Amino acid sequence: METFVNYGSFIALVMLAIGVMSQMWKIHKNKSSEDISLIAVTFRSIAMIIILLKMIYMKDWYLISGQGVLIVTYIFYIIMILKYRFAGKMA
């Protein structure tokens, strides 16, 4: 049962990363991130870091690896948001 929970948790975090990737695709396709709240993205980023620190403290390697995938994906998401948010203002 523990193995199922471990793999299930990892898969759930990867699914969250896939959800973020779908948002990234939408940003890329529309070349805009104006409808995305930077405050909400900031709060989610802080929450993900806190959760990762908790997982590291617990030494739960399944969750750490899953959260790592999510955080790396989220970093690219933030880069895309900022790129499209400020691209028009810098041109």
N, C-alpha and C. Protein backbone atom coordinates (compact mmCIF):
# COMPACT_ATOMS: atom_id res chain seq x y z
N MET A 1 0.81 -1.20 0.00
CA MET A 1 0.00 0.00 0.00
C MET A 1 0.86 1.26 0.00
N GLU A 2 1.96 1.23 0.76
CA GLU A 2 2.83 2.41 0.83
C GLU A 2 3.41 2.73 -0.54
N THR A 3 3.79 1.71 -1.30
CA THR A 3 4.34 1.92 -2.64
C THR A 3 3.30 2.58 -3.53
N PHE A 4 2.05 2.15 -3.44
CA PHE A 4 0.97 2.74 -4.23
C PHE A 4 0.81 4.22 -3.89
N VAL A 5 0.83 4.54 -2.62
CA VAL A 5 0.70 5.93 -2.18
C VAL A 5 1.89 6.76 -2.66
N ASN A 6 3.10 6.20 -2.56
CA ASN A 6 4.28 6.93 -3.02
C ASN A 6 4.22 7.23 -4.51
N TYR A 7 3.94 6.20 -5.30
CA TYR A 7 3.86 6.40 -6.75
C TYR A 7 2.66 7.28 -7.10
N GLY A 8 1.56 7.11 -6.40
CA GLY A 8 0.39 7.94 -6.65
C GLY A 8 0.67 9.41 -6.39
N SER A 9 1.40 9.70 -5.32
CA SER A 9 1.77 11.08 -4.99
C SER A 9 2.68 11.66 -6.07
N PHE A 10 3.64 10.86 -6.52
CA PHE A 10 4.54 11.31 -7.57
C PHE A 10 3.75 11.61 -8.85
N ILE A 11 2.86 10.71 -9.22
CA ILE A 11 2.05 10.89 -10.43
C ILE A 11 1.17 12.13 -10.30
N ALA A 12 0.61 12.36 -9.13
CA ALA A 12 -0.23 13.54 -8.91
C ALA A 12 0.57 14.83 -9.13
N LEU A 13 1.78 14.88 -8.64
CA LEU A 13 2.62 16.07 -8.82
C LEU A 13 3.00 16.25 -10.28
N VAL A 14 3.27 15.15 -10.98
CA VAL A 14 3.58 15.23 -12.41
C VAL A 14 2.34 15.73 -13.17
N MET A 15 1.16 15.28 -12.76
CA MET A 15 -0.07 15.76 -13.40
C MET A 15 -0.25 17.26 -13.19
N LEU A 16 0.09 17.76 -12.02
CA LEU A 16 0.05 19.21 -11.78
C LEU A 16 1.02 19.92 -12.73
N ALA A 17 2.20 19.34 -12.93
CA ALA A 17 3.17 19.93 -13.86
C ALA A 17 2.61 19.95 -15.27
N ILE A 18 1.91 18.90 -15.67
CA ILE A 18 1.29 18.85 -17.00
C ILE A 18 0.23 19.95 -17.12
N GLY A 19 -0.51 20.19 -16.06
CA GLY A 19 -1.48 21.28 -16.06
C GLY A 19 -0.82 22.63 -16.27
N VAL A 20 0.32 22.83 -15.64
CA VAL A 20 1.08 24.07 -15.82
C VAL A 20 1.57 24.17 -17.27
N MET A 21 2.01 23.03 -17.82
CA MET A 21 2.47 23.02 -19.21
C MET A 21 1.36 23.41 -20.18
N SER A 22 0.13 23.01 -19.89
CA SER A 22 -0.98 23.41 -20.76
C SER A 22 -1.19 24.92 -20.71
N GLN A 23 -0.99 25.53 -19.54
CA GLN A 23 -1.06 26.99 -19.43
C GLN A 23 0.09 27.65 -20.19
N MET A 24 1.26 27.01 -20.13
CA MET A 24 2.40 27.54 -20.87
C MET A 24 2.12 27.52 -22.36
N TRP A 25 1.50 26.46 -22.84
CA TRP A 25 1.16 26.36 -24.26
C TRP A 25 0.19 27.48 -24.65
N LYS A 26 -0.79 27.74 -23.78
CA LYS A 26 -1.77 28.79 -24.05
C LYS A 26 -1.08 30.16 -24.12
N ILE A 27 -0.15 30.41 -23.21
CA ILE A 27 0.59 31.67 -23.22
C ILE A 27 1.39 31.79 -24.51
N HIS A 28 2.07 30.72 -24.89
CA HIS A 28 2.88 30.73 -26.10
C HIS A 28 2.02 30.94 -27.34
N LYS A 29 0.90 30.25 -27.40
CA LYS A 29 0.01 30.34 -28.56
C LYS A 29 -0.59 31.74 -28.69
N ASN A 30 -1.02 32.32 -27.59
CA ASN A 30 -1.64 33.64 -27.61
C ASN A 30 -0.63 34.79 -27.53
N LYS A 31 0.63 34.45 -27.22
CA LYS A 31 1.69 35.47 -27.07
C LYS A 31 1.28 36.54 -26.05
N SER A 32 0.60 36.10 -25.00
CA SER A 32 0.14 37.04 -23.98
C SER A 32 0.00 36.33 -22.64
N SER A 33 0.31 37.06 -21.58
CA SER A 33 0.09 36.56 -20.23
C SER A 33 -0.67 37.58 -19.39
N GLU A 34 -1.35 38.48 -20.06
CA GLU A 34 -2.04 39.57 -19.38
C GLU A 34 -3.15 39.09 -18.43
N ASP A 35 -3.78 37.95 -18.73
CA ASP A 35 -4.89 37.49 -17.91
C ASP A 35 -4.43 36.65 -16.71
N ILE A 36 -3.12 36.58 -16.47
CA ILE A 36 -2.59 35.79 -15.36
C ILE A 36 -2.18 36.74 -14.24
N SER A 37 -2.64 36.45 -13.04
CA SER A 37 -2.34 37.27 -11.88
C SER A 37 -0.94 36.97 -11.35
N LEU A 38 -0.08 37.99 -11.36
CA LEU A 38 1.28 37.80 -10.84
C LEU A 38 1.27 37.57 -9.34
N ILE A 39 0.31 38.13 -8.64
CA ILE A 39 0.20 37.91 -7.19
C ILE A 39 -0.12 36.44 -6.91
N ALA A 40 -1.06 35.88 -7.64
CA ALA A 40 -1.42 34.47 -7.45
C ALA A 40 -0.23 33.56 -7.79
N VAL A 41 0.49 33.87 -8.85
CA VAL A 41 1.66 33.08 -9.23
C VAL A 41 2.73 33.16 -8.13
N THR A 42 2.90 34.34 -7.56
CA THR A 42 3.88 34.52 -6.49
C THR A 42 3.49 33.70 -5.26
N PHE A 43 2.22 33.75 -4.86
CA PHE A 43 1.76 32.97 -3.71
C PHE A 43 1.95 31.47 -3.94
N ARG A 44 1.61 31.00 -5.16
CA ARG A 44 1.79 29.57 -5.47
C ARG A 44 3.25 29.19 -5.44
N SER A 45 4.12 30.08 -5.91
CA SER A 45 5.56 29.79 -5.91
C SER A 45 6.08 29.64 -4.48
N ILE A 46 5.69 30.55 -3.63
CA ILE A 46 6.11 30.49 -2.23
C ILE A 46 5.57 29.22 -1.57
N ALA A 47 4.31 28.89 -1.85
CA ALA A 47 3.72 27.67 -1.27
C ALA A 47 4.47 26.43 -1.74
N MET A 48 4.84 26.38 -3.01
CA MET A 48 5.56 25.21 -3.53
C MET A 48 6.92 25.06 -2.87
N ILE A 49 7.59 26.17 -2.63
CA ILE A 49 8.90 26.11 -1.97
C ILE A 49 8.74 25.63 -0.54
N ILE A 50 7.74 26.12 0.17
CA ILE A 50 7.50 25.67 1.55
C ILE A 50 7.19 24.18 1.59
N ILE A 51 6.35 23.73 0.66
CA ILE A 51 6.01 22.30 0.60
C ILE A 51 7.25 21.48 0.29
N LEU A 52 8.09 21.95 -0.64
CA LEU A 52 9.32 21.23 -0.95
C LEU A 52 10.22 21.12 0.27
N LEU A 53 10.36 22.21 1.02
CA LEU A 53 11.19 22.17 2.24
C LEU A 53 10.64 21.16 3.24
N LYS A 54 9.33 21.09 3.37
CA LYS A 54 8.71 20.10 4.27
C LYS A 54 9.03 18.68 3.79
N MET A 55 8.95 18.46 2.47
CA MET A 55 9.24 17.13 1.93
C MET A 55 10.69 16.75 2.13
N ILE A 56 11.59 17.74 1.98
CA ILE A 56 13.01 17.47 2.23
C ILE A 56 13.22 17.11 3.69
N TYR A 57 12.57 17.84 4.58
CA TYR A 57 12.67 17.56 6.02
C TYR A 57 12.18 16.14 6.33
N MET A 58 11.10 15.73 5.66
CA MET A 58 10.54 14.39 5.87
C MET A 58 11.34 13.30 5.15
N LYS A 59 12.24 13.72 4.24
CA LYS A 59 13.05 12.79 3.45
C LYS A 59 12.18 11.83 2.63
N ASP A 60 11.12 12.37 2.07
CA ASP A 60 10.22 11.58 1.22
C ASP A 60 10.64 11.79 -0.23
N TRP A 61 11.48 10.90 -0.74
CA TRP A 61 12.12 11.09 -2.04
C TRP A 61 11.13 11.03 -3.19
N TYR A 62 10.04 10.30 -3.06
CA TYR A 62 9.02 10.28 -4.11
C TYR A 62 8.39 11.66 -4.25
N LEU A 63 8.02 12.24 -3.13
CA LEU A 63 7.41 13.57 -3.16
C LEU A 63 8.41 14.65 -3.54
N ILE A 64 9.64 14.51 -3.10
CA ILE A 64 10.67 15.49 -3.46
C ILE A 64 10.89 15.48 -4.97
N SER A 65 10.99 14.30 -5.56
CA SER A 65 11.20 14.24 -7.01
C SER A 65 10.00 14.78 -7.77
N GLY A 66 8.80 14.45 -7.34
CA GLY A 66 7.60 14.97 -7.98
C GLY A 66 7.49 16.48 -7.85
N GLN A 67 7.76 16.98 -6.67
CA GLN A 67 7.73 18.42 -6.43
C GLN A 67 8.82 19.11 -7.24
N GLY A 68 9.96 18.44 -7.39
CA GLY A 68 11.05 19.00 -8.20
C GLY A 68 10.63 19.18 -9.65
N VAL A 69 9.94 18.17 -10.19
CA VAL A 69 9.42 18.27 -11.57
C VAL A 69 8.46 19.45 -11.66
N LEU A 70 7.58 19.57 -10.69
CA LEU A 70 6.60 20.66 -10.69
C LEU A 70 7.29 22.02 -10.59
N ILE A 71 8.27 22.15 -9.73
CA ILE A 71 8.94 23.43 -9.55
C ILE A 71 9.73 23.83 -10.79
N VAL A 72 10.43 22.89 -11.41
CA VAL A 72 11.18 23.20 -12.63
C VAL A 72 10.21 23.67 -13.72
N THR A 73 9.10 22.98 -13.86
CA THR A 73 8.09 23.38 -14.85
C THR A 73 7.54 24.76 -14.51
N TYR A 74 7.30 25.01 -13.24
CA TYR A 74 6.75 26.29 -12.80
C TYR A 74 7.73 27.43 -13.04
N ILE A 75 9.01 27.17 -12.91
CA ILE A 75 10.02 28.21 -13.19
C ILE A 75 9.93 28.64 -14.65
N PHE A 76 9.82 27.66 -15.56
CA PHE A 76 9.67 28.00 -16.97
C PHE A 76 8.36 28.75 -17.22
N TYR A 77 7.32 28.39 -16.50
CA TYR A 77 6.02 29.07 -16.58
C TYR A 77 6.17 30.54 -16.19
N ILE A 78 6.86 30.79 -15.09
CA ILE A 78 7.07 32.17 -14.63
C ILE A 78 7.88 32.95 -15.66
N ILE A 79 8.90 32.32 -16.22
CA ILE A 79 9.71 32.99 -17.25
C ILE A 79 8.85 33.38 -18.44
N MET A 80 7.97 32.46 -18.87
CA MET A 80 7.09 32.77 -20.00
C MET A 80 6.13 33.91 -19.66
N ILE A 81 5.58 33.88 -18.44
CA ILE A 81 4.66 34.94 -18.03
C ILE A 81 5.37 36.29 -18.09
N LEU A 82 6.54 36.36 -17.52
CA LEU A 82 7.28 37.62 -17.49
C LEU A 82 7.71 38.05 -18.88
N LYS A 83 8.13 37.10 -19.68
CA LYS A 83 8.55 37.41 -21.05
C LYS A 83 7.42 38.07 -21.84
N TYR A 84 6.25 37.46 -21.81
CA TYR A 84 5.13 38.00 -22.59
C TYR A 84 4.49 39.21 -21.91
N ARG A 85 4.59 39.29 -20.59
CA ARG A 85 4.02 40.43 -19.89
C ARG A 85 4.77 41.71 -20.22
N PHE A 86 6.09 41.61 -20.27
CA PHE A 86 6.91 42.80 -20.45
C PHE A 86 7.47 42.95 -21.86
N ALA A 87 7.20 42.00 -22.75
CA ALA A 87 7.72 42.07 -24.13
C ALA A 87 7.18 43.29 -24.86
N GLY A 88 5.90 43.55 -24.74
CA GLY A 88 5.29 44.69 -25.42
C GLY A 88 5.72 46.02 -24.84
N LYS A 89 6.03 46.03 -23.56
CA LYS A 89 6.39 47.28 -22.89
C LYS A 89 7.83 47.68 -23.16
N MET A 90 8.66 46.69 -23.52
CA MET A 90 10.07 46.99 -23.77
C MET A 90 10.32 47.31 -25.24
N ALA A 91 9.39 46.99 -26.10
CA ALA A 91 9.59 47.22 -27.54
C ALA A 91 9.29 48.65 -27.93
